[in-house]
């Protein structure tokens, strides 16, 4: 893995650790946000391995989808969590929408699977 990709993966892993800690004190919007960003940084790591970068979240997800999901290298269902988590994060961050602890845990578990899948893909 390239040094830059490893930096992105380290941020992704740290976000997961942070989310797991926050989950224990039951603050769902922070957990959802951290889980979402863990997935985003893992996606950036994967793209970095191809020397590809996007300036926006949307651009990152489009590139990741084109390079890994559309080519069946990455699980489509797992990728689907990225969009749902992004929507929930925006609701929690920008609209102060209440998010359930169950939803936060679901997204955290999905983010853990997503980051692990990216790591496995990059190590293959």
Foldseek 3Di string as FASTA:
>chain_A
DDPQLVVLLVQLVVLLVVLVVVLVVPDQLSLLVSLLSSLQSLLQSLVVVVVDDDPDSVVSLVVSCVPDVVVVNDDPVLSVLNVVSVVSNCCCPPVVDDDGSVVSVVSSVSSVVSSVSSVVSVVD
